[in-house]
Amino acid sequence: MNSNRLFLISTNYLRNSLKGFSTCIFLFITFLFFGCSGSGQNSNIGKSDTVVQPNKTKINYELNIRPQNEVWYKTIGEIPVPEGFSRLKVDTNSFGQYLRNIELKTENNIVHYFDGNAKSDQHIHFAIIKMDAGNRDLQQCADAVMRLRAEYLWNQKRYKEIHFNFLSDGKPRYYTEYVKNDFSYQKFRKYMDYIFAYANTSSLKDEMKTELLDSIRPGDVFIQKGSPYGHAVIVVDVAVNKENGKRIFMIAQSFMPAQEIHILVNQKNYSLSPWYESEFETSLITPQWMFYKTDLMRFK
């Protein structure tokens, strides 16, 4: 029996028999069968979108930041911060500055899969990063993180710093060795597909170092290896409260099947959305995954 079949059976069973149980039971079943493989090696297993629904009794639905389809923000840096906050200062040529300046789609706000079809759930994203998803089912969750990191380094012409480890042997594959002096964008994209096919959340996490939430900054990643699947979302911006120094952040992801990278809404607090509080209690609940404080990591 495949993973999709098991998920459907589990979901129906929960709906019909466990209606009185807490959301945590649903999360457990969802995580057991789904998540991003982040690798072409697992491209035929568990390919589906699933949405984690937070406890609706705790949701604040009041919108304070106007949605993308009303304003059409051109970059992440144009998305407003809540009152009392200002964006965290970052260096001019840093990864964080690159992420703030990255373009957003303004022709529409529809997330598409790699095959051109629209994603089944169009209610979990705030805006979409203007970047292709490829034409193969490769750019999933960890791949989106690697893509953004590599795009930044490629734009900086820091070619020797572009490398990612394969899952099979834990060894890096270097961009410069793959392209052999062909630094065109077309060759760069072929290299990234090559990486996507053999790397995933597990191999990526092993390349990163743990960070504390109170020092969160753009470019950091919430990442879980998972069993059999993990997931990863990347922090694309951070703002700081002017009075108490508390930080809030925005996160972006891809998922399964491979799809356009999108900024997530905050379904637990729409008045803050698309920002999230860094001082969450025990878990960070995103629309399609749940992370813990210890899942925050940074590129070395």
Protein backbone atom coordinates (compact mmCIF):
# COMPACT_ATOMS: atom_id res chain seq x y z
CA MET A 1 0.00 0.00 0.00
CA ASN A 2 1.52 3.36 -0.98
CA SER A 3 1.88 6.46 1.20
CA ASN A 4 -0.97 8.38 -0.46
CA ARG A 5 -3.34 5.50 0.20
CA LEU A 6 -2.24 5.24 3.80
CA PHE A 7 -2.68 8.97 4.30
CA LEU A 8 -6.23 8.90 2.94
CA ILE A 9 -7.13 5.97 5.17
CA SER A 10 -5.62 7.66 8.21
CA THR A 11 -7.38 10.93 7.48
CA ASN A 12 -10.79 9.28 7.02
CA TYR A 13 -10.32 7.28 10.19
CA LEU A 14 -9.50 10.41 12.14
CA ARG A 15 -12.49 12.28 10.81
CA ASN A 16 -14.95 9.52 11.53
CA SER A 17 -13.61 8.05 14.77
CA LEU A 18 -11.40 10.55 16.56
CA LYS A 19 -13.26 13.83 16.27
CA GLY A 20 -12.84 14.54 19.95
CA PHE A 21 -9.06 14.22 19.96
CA SER A 22 -6.65 17.17 19.86
CA THR A 23 -4.93 18.56 16.79
CA CYS A 24 -1.71 16.86 17.87
CA ILE A 25 -3.05 13.45 16.83
CA PHE A 26 -3.70 14.75 13.33
CA LEU A 27 -0.22 16.27 13.20
CA PHE A 28 1.33 12.95 14.22
CA ILE A 29 -0.42 11.01 11.46
CA THR A 30 0.38 13.72 8.90
CA PHE A 31 4.07 13.79 9.79
CA LEU A 32 4.26 10.01 9.75
CA PHE A 33 3.29 9.73 6.11
CA PHE A 34 4.23 13.07 4.59
CA GLY A 35 6.95 15.63 4.26
CA CYS A 36 9.50 16.68 1.71
CA SER A 37 11.93 14.15 0.41
CA GLY A 38 13.96 17.03 -0.99
CA SER A 39 15.47 14.56 -3.42
CA GLY A 40 14.74 12.96 -6.74
CA GLN A 41 15.75 9.68 -5.13
CA ASN A 42 12.35 9.55 -3.42
CA SER A 43 10.35 11.19 -6.18
CA ASN A 44 7.62 8.56 -6.33
CA ILE A 45 6.85 8.36 -2.62
CA GLY A 46 4.35 10.52 -0.73
CA LYS A 47 3.92 13.16 -3.39
CA SER A 48 1.07 15.29 -2.14
CA ASP A 49 0.21 18.52 -0.40
CA THR A 50 -1.17 18.25 3.10
CA VAL A 51 -2.14 21.13 5.35
CA VAL A 52 -1.69 21.31 9.10
CA GLN A 53 -4.64 23.16 10.59
CA PRO A 54 -3.95 24.95 13.87
CA ASN A 55 -6.60 25.18 16.59
CA LYS A 56 -9.09 27.59 15.09
CA THR A 57 -10.31 28.78 18.48
CA LYS A 58 -6.96 30.50 18.98
CA ILE A 59 -6.73 32.20 15.59
CA ASN A 60 -6.91 35.98 15.21
CA TYR A 61 -8.37 36.60 11.75
CA GLU A 62 -7.97 40.39 11.75
CA LEU A 63 -5.64 41.43 8.92
CA ASN A 64 -3.23 44.29 9.57
CA ILE A 65 -0.97 43.82 6.54
CA ARG A 66 -2.80 44.05 3.24
CA PRO A 67 -2.53 40.90 1.10
CA GLN A 68 -0.40 40.57 -2.00
CA ASN A 69 -3.33 40.45 -4.43
CA GLU A 70 -4.41 43.92 -3.25
CA VAL A 71 -1.07 45.73 -3.12
CA TRP A 72 1.32 43.66 -5.29
CA TYR A 73 4.53 44.07 -3.33
CA LYS A 74 7.44 43.83 -5.75
CA THR A 75 10.03 42.54 -3.29
CA ILE A 76 10.09 40.93 0.13
CA GLY A 77 11.51 44.18 1.50
CA GLU A 78 8.34 46.01 0.46
CA ILE A 79 6.11 43.88 2.67
CA PRO A 80 5.31 46.09 5.68
CA VAL A 81 6.42 45.32 9.22
CA PRO A 82 3.88 45.56 12.07
CA GLU A 83 3.61 48.76 14.06
CA GLY A 84 6.45 49.14 16.55
CA PHE A 85 8.88 47.00 14.55
CA SER A 86 11.74 47.79 12.20
CA ARG A 87 13.70 45.50 9.94
CA LEU A 88 16.83 43.90 11.35
CA LYS A 89 19.95 45.58 10.00
CA VAL A 90 21.93 43.40 7.61
CA ASP A 91 25.09 43.95 5.61
CA THR A 92 24.76 45.31 2.08
CA ASN A 93 26.08 42.20 0.33
CA SER A 94 24.69 39.66 2.79
CA PHE A 95 22.36 36.76 2.13
CA GLY A 96 19.71 38.61 4.14
CA GLN A 97 19.90 41.66 1.90
CA TYR A 98 19.65 39.45 -1.17
CA LEU A 99 16.49 37.84 0.19
CA ARG A 100 14.91 41.23 0.92
CA ASN A 101 15.55 42.38 -2.61
CA ILE A 102 14.33 39.22 -4.29
CA GLU A 103 11.41 39.78 -6.66
CA LEU A 104 7.88 38.60 -5.99
CA LYS A 105 5.34 37.58 -8.60
CA THR A 106 2.99 40.44 -9.45
CA GLU A 107 1.25 39.03 -12.52
CA ASN A 108 -0.74 36.71 -10.24
CA ASN A 109 -0.56 35.19 -6.78
CA ILE A 110 -1.10 31.56 -7.76
CA VAL A 111 1.42 28.89 -6.75
CA HIS A 112 2.13 26.47 -9.59
CA TYR A 113 3.62 23.01 -9.58
CA PHE A 114 6.60 22.15 -11.77
CA ASP A 115 4.21 20.87 -14.45
CA GLY A 116 2.36 24.18 -14.70
CA ASN A 117 -0.75 23.11 -12.81
CA ALA A 118 -2.00 25.28 -9.96
CA LYS A 119 -1.41 24.03 -6.44
CA SER A 120 -4.49 22.53 -4.85
CA ASP A 121 -4.44 24.84 -1.80
CA GLN A 122 -4.00 28.53 -2.59
CA HIS A 123 -4.76 29.77 0.93
CA ILE A 124 -1.52 29.08 2.78
CA HIS A 125 0.79 31.54 1.05
CA PHE A 126 1.10 35.31 1.27
CA ALA A 127 3.24 35.93 -1.80
CA ILE A 128 5.31 34.00 -4.32
CA ILE A 129 9.00 34.41 -5.12
CA LYS A 130 9.53 35.12 -8.81
CA MET A 131 11.69 32.14 -9.64
CA ASP A 132 11.07 29.09 -11.81
CA ALA A 133 10.24 25.75 -10.21
CA GLY A 134 11.91 23.78 -13.01
CA ASN A 135 10.17 21.26 -15.24
CA ARG A 136 10.87 18.14 -13.17
CA ASP A 137 9.64 17.09 -9.74
CA LEU A 138 12.88 18.09 -8.02
CA GLN A 139 12.67 21.50 -6.31
CA GLN A 140 10.92 20.52 -3.11
CA CYS A 141 11.56 21.81 0.41
CA ALA A 142 15.30 21.49 1.12
CA ASP A 143 15.90 22.13 -2.58
CA ALA A 144 14.22 25.55 -2.29
CA VAL A 145 16.61 26.46 0.52
CA MET A 146 19.62 25.32 -1.50
CA ARG A 147 18.30 27.14 -4.56
CA LEU A 148 18.03 30.48 -2.78
CA ARG A 149 21.43 30.09 -1.16
CA ALA A 150 23.07 29.15 -4.46
CA GLU A 151 21.30 31.93 -6.37
CA TYR A 152 22.70 34.43 -3.89
CA LEU A 153 26.25 33.12 -4.23
CA TRP A 154 25.97 32.88 -8.02
CA ASN A 155 24.79 36.50 -8.24
CA GLN A 156 27.75 37.50 -6.06
CA LYS A 157 30.05 35.50 -8.40
CA ARG A 158 31.27 33.55 -5.38
CA TYR A 159 31.33 30.40 -7.47
CA LYS A 160 33.78 28.43 -5.34
CA GLU A 161 31.42 28.68 -2.36
CA ILE A 162 28.60 26.92 -4.19
CA HIS A 163 28.58 23.29 -3.12
CA PHE A 164 26.17 20.87 -1.45
CA ASN A 165 26.62 17.38 -0.07
CA PHE A 166 25.07 14.26 -1.55
CA LEU A 167 23.02 12.10 0.77
CA SER A 168 24.70 8.90 -0.40
CA ASP A 169 28.24 9.66 0.77
CA GLY A 170 28.02 13.00 2.60
CA LYS A 171 30.58 14.54 0.26
CA PRO A 172 30.22 17.92 -1.47
CA ARG A 173 29.67 18.39 -5.19
CA TYR A 174 31.21 21.67 -6.30
CA TYR A 175 29.61 23.99 -8.81
CA THR A 176 32.96 24.93 -10.35
CA GLU A 177 33.82 21.29 -11.03
CA TYR A 178 30.43 20.61 -12.59
CA VAL A 179 30.26 23.62 -14.95
CA LYS A 180 33.93 23.57 -16.06
CA ASN A 181 34.22 27.33 -16.67
CA ASP A 182 30.72 27.64 -18.16
CA PHE A 183 29.24 30.13 -15.69
CA SER A 184 26.07 30.75 -17.66
CA TYR A 185 22.76 30.71 -15.82
CA GLN A 186 21.59 27.79 -17.94
CA LYS A 187 24.50 25.67 -16.73
CA PHE A 188 23.91 26.85 -13.17
CA ARG A 189 20.31 25.58 -13.32
CA LYS A 190 21.51 22.21 -14.61
CA TYR A 191 23.88 22.02 -11.65
CA MET A 192 21.05 22.78 -9.23
CA ASP A 193 18.85 20.03 -10.70
CA TYR A 194 21.83 17.70 -10.34
CA ILE A 195 22.06 18.64 -6.65
CA PHE A 196 18.29 18.38 -6.09
CA ALA A 197 18.33 14.80 -7.39
CA TYR A 198 20.82 13.56 -4.78
CA ALA A 199 20.51 15.86 -1.75
CA ASN A 200 17.68 16.30 0.76
CA THR A 201 16.82 17.64 4.20
CA SER A 202 19.08 15.10 5.89
CA SER A 203 22.19 15.94 3.88
CA LEU A 204 21.49 19.69 4.07
CA LYS A 205 21.01 19.70 7.83
CA ASP A 206 24.38 18.04 8.28
CA GLU A 207 25.97 21.03 6.53
CA MET A 208 24.44 23.56 8.92
CA LYS A 209 24.95 24.69 12.51
CA THR A 210 22.37 25.20 15.26
CA GLU A 211 21.28 28.74 16.15
CA LEU A 212 19.23 30.27 18.97
CA LEU A 213 15.89 31.90 18.29
CA ASP A 214 16.89 35.20 19.90
CA SER A 215 19.58 35.59 17.23
CA ILE A 216 17.42 34.59 14.25
CA ARG A 217 18.27 36.40 11.03
CA PRO A 218 17.36 36.25 7.33
CA GLY A 219 18.82 33.17 5.67
CA ASP A 220 18.39 30.92 8.70
CA VAL A 221 16.49 27.67 8.22
CA PHE A 222 14.04 25.62 10.27
CA ILE A 223 14.86 22.07 9.23
CA GLN A 224 14.02 18.52 10.28
CA LYS A 225 15.51 15.34 8.88
CA GLY A 226 12.36 13.35 9.53
CA SER A 227 11.65 9.65 9.22
CA PRO A 228 11.11 8.91 6.41
CA TYR A 229 10.66 12.54 5.40
CA GLY A 230 11.66 15.90 6.77
CA HIS A 231 10.90 19.47 5.86
CA ALA A 232 12.62 22.84 5.72
CA VAL A 233 11.52 26.46 5.55
CA ILE A 234 13.83 29.42 5.11
CA VAL A 235 13.69 32.70 7.02
CA VAL A 236 13.45 35.42 4.37
CA ASP A 237 13.20 38.47 6.64
CA VAL A 238 13.41 39.49 10.30
CA ALA A 239 12.14 42.55 12.15
CA VAL A 240 12.84 43.76 15.69
CA ASN A 241 10.54 45.42 18.22
CA LYS A 242 11.91 48.90 18.91
CA GLU A 243 11.08 48.77 22.62
CA ASN A 244 11.81 45.25 23.84
CA GLY A 245 14.05 43.83 21.10
CA LYS A 246 11.79 40.86 20.36
CA ARG A 247 12.11 39.48 16.85
CA ILE A 248 9.56 38.39 14.29
CA PHE A 249 10.27 36.65 11.01
CA MET A 250 8.86 35.61 7.63
CA ILE A 251 9.39 32.15 6.19
CA ALA A 252 9.21 30.66 2.70
CA GLN A 253 9.03 27.12 1.40
CA SER A 254 8.52 24.75 -1.46
CA PHE A 255 6.80 21.42 -0.89
CA MET A 256 5.77 18.23 -2.68
CA PRO A 257 5.27 17.98 -5.57
CA ALA A 258 7.92 20.50 -6.62
CA GLN A 259 6.40 23.98 -6.76
CA GLU A 260 7.12 27.68 -6.76
CA ILE A 261 8.74 29.02 -3.60
CA HIS A 262 6.20 30.96 -1.56
CA ILE A 263 6.01 33.01 1.63
CA LEU A 264 3.74 31.41 4.20
CA VAL A 265 0.85 33.02 6.01
CA ASN A 266 0.63 32.81 9.79
CA GLN A 267 -2.56 30.84 10.33
CA LYS A 268 -2.39 31.15 14.10
CA ASN A 269 -2.26 34.94 14.05
CA TYR A 270 -3.54 36.64 10.92
CA SER A 271 -3.10 40.04 12.56
CA LEU A 272 0.67 39.42 12.45
CA SER A 273 0.75 37.45 9.19
CA PRO A 274 2.92 36.92 7.22
CA TRP A 275 5.23 37.46 10.21
CA TYR A 276 5.78 34.91 12.99
CA GLU A 277 6.85 35.52 16.57
CA SER A 278 10.26 34.12 17.48
CA GLU A 279 9.17 33.59 21.08
CA PHE A 280 6.73 30.78 20.37
CA GLU A 281 5.95 28.34 23.18
CA THR A 282 7.05 24.82 22.29
CA SER A 283 6.47 24.55 18.55
CA LEU A 284 6.33 26.66 15.42
CA ILE A 285 3.19 25.68 13.55
CA THR A 286 3.32 26.51 9.86
CA PRO A 287 0.54 25.66 7.38
CA GLN A 288 2.14 22.37 6.35
CA TRP A 289 4.58 21.46 9.12
CA MET A 290 5.46 21.82 12.79
CA PHE A 291 8.96 22.75 13.93
CA TYR A 292 10.68 23.09 17.29
CA LYS A 293 13.09 25.67 18.69
CA THR A 294 16.00 23.30 18.21
CA ASP A 295 15.28 23.06 14.47
CA LEU A 296 16.69 26.53 13.72
CA MET A 297 19.96 26.30 11.84
CA ARG A 298 22.35 28.47 9.80
CA PHE A 299 24.73 27.93 6.90
CA LYS A 300 28.30 27.58 8.17
